[in-house]
Amino acid sequence: DDVWLTALEDAISTLKAFAPGALVIALGLDAYEHDPLNGGAVTRVGFGQLAEKIGALGLPTLMVQEGGYLRDDLADNLAAFLTGFQTLR
């Protein structure tokens, strides 16, 4: 999670400098640590932490779920992200 959170902090710095009026998120839940393609290693807790930081920006946001393979825990990862996003809004 730390690698992703650090990368997000860099992205947030860039976003703040740009001062957008809205944000579009391509929500790739295939970054999950147990995804069959093993591409990201984000934990469920990590999805929530990433979302909290994004939600704290307070920008109007559109989310498009674009990744995540049929796994029993896919819905839990989405719920963790959405819950984290709403935490600081």
Protein backbone atom coordinates (compact mmCIF):
# COMPACT_ATOMS: atom_id res chain seq x y z
CA ASP A 1 0.00 0.00 0.00
CA ASP A 2 2.82 2.40 0.80
CA VAL A 3 4.01 2.57 -2.81
CA TRP A 4 0.50 3.43 -4.00
CA LEU A 5 -0.07 5.96 -1.23
CA THR A 6 3.23 7.70 -2.01
CA ALA A 7 2.38 7.82 -5.71
CA LEU A 8 -1.02 9.26 -4.85
CA GLU A 9 0.56 12.00 -2.73
CA ASP A 10 2.64 13.00 -5.76
CA ALA A 11 -0.48 13.01 -7.94
CA ILE A 12 -2.37 15.08 -5.39
CA SER A 13 0.40 17.69 -5.37
CA THR A 14 0.10 17.93 -9.14
CA LEU A 15 -3.69 18.13 -8.94
CA LYS A 16 -3.60 20.92 -6.40
CA ALA A 17 -1.19 22.92 -8.57
CA PHE A 18 -3.49 22.44 -11.56
CA ALA A 19 -6.62 23.28 -9.52
CA PRO A 20 -9.17 21.25 -11.50
CA GLY A 21 -12.88 21.79 -11.15
CA ALA A 22 -13.61 18.06 -11.08
CA LEU A 23 -11.91 14.68 -10.98
CA VAL A 24 -12.44 11.49 -13.01
CA ILE A 25 -11.17 8.27 -11.44
CA ALA A 26 -10.56 5.13 -13.46
CA LEU A 27 -11.06 2.78 -10.52
CA GLY A 28 -9.00 -0.30 -11.25
CA LEU A 29 -9.81 -2.77 -8.52
CA ASP A 30 -7.56 -5.26 -10.31
CA ALA A 31 -4.73 -3.66 -8.30
CA TYR A 32 -5.93 -5.89 -5.44
CA GLU A 33 -3.27 -8.05 -3.80
CA HIS A 34 -5.17 -11.28 -4.56
CA ASP A 35 -6.13 -10.43 -8.14
CA PRO A 36 -5.32 -13.35 -10.46
CA LEU A 37 -3.03 -11.19 -12.63
CA ASN A 38 -1.16 -9.99 -9.53
CA GLY A 39 -0.58 -6.49 -10.84
CA GLY A 40 -0.80 -4.20 -7.87
CA ALA A 41 -0.71 -5.63 -4.35
CA VAL A 42 -3.18 -3.11 -2.87
CA THR A 43 -4.92 -4.41 0.24
CA ARG A 44 -8.58 -3.80 1.05
CA VAL A 45 -7.46 -1.36 3.75
CA GLY A 46 -5.24 0.30 1.18
CA PHE A 47 -8.20 0.92 -1.14
CA GLY A 48 -9.92 2.71 1.72
CA GLN A 49 -6.84 4.80 2.53
CA LEU A 50 -6.37 5.80 -1.10
CA ALA A 51 -10.01 6.79 -1.32
CA GLU A 52 -9.85 8.88 1.88
CA LYS A 53 -7.04 10.96 0.40
CA ILE A 54 -8.92 11.42 -2.86
CA GLY A 55 -12.17 12.26 -1.09
CA ALA A 56 -10.39 14.83 1.08
CA LEU A 57 -9.77 16.89 -2.07
CA GLY A 58 -13.46 17.78 -1.97
CA LEU A 59 -13.76 17.81 -5.77
CA PRO A 60 -16.82 16.74 -7.70
CA THR A 61 -15.79 13.24 -8.73
CA LEU A 62 -16.84 10.71 -11.34
CA MET A 63 -15.70 7.12 -10.75
CA VAL A 64 -15.60 4.54 -13.50
CA GLN A 65 -14.91 1.00 -12.35
CA GLU A 66 -12.70 -0.47 -15.01
CA GLY A 67 -10.79 -3.35 -13.50
CA GLY A 68 -11.22 -6.18 -11.08
CA TYR A 69 -11.88 -9.76 -11.93
CA LEU A 70 -14.66 -11.96 -10.70
CA ARG A 71 -13.63 -12.75 -7.18
CA ASP A 72 -15.71 -13.09 -4.07
CA ASP A 73 -13.92 -10.10 -2.52
CA LEU A 74 -14.43 -7.66 -5.42
CA ALA A 75 -17.55 -6.14 -3.84
CA ASP A 76 -15.74 -5.75 -0.50
CA ASN A 77 -12.91 -3.85 -2.19
CA LEU A 78 -15.37 -1.55 -3.91
CA ALA A 79 -17.19 -0.97 -0.62
CA ALA A 80 -13.88 -0.17 1.12
CA PHE A 81 -13.06 2.39 -1.56
CA LEU A 82 -16.48 4.03 -1.51
CA THR A 83 -16.56 4.12 2.29
CA GLY A 84 -13.10 5.66 2.42
CA PHE A 85 -14.05 8.23 -0.20
CA GLN A 86 -17.04 9.38 1.84
CA THR A 87 -15.19 9.50 5.17
CA LEU A 88 -13.86 13.06 4.95
CA ARG A 89 -16.46 14.58 2.63
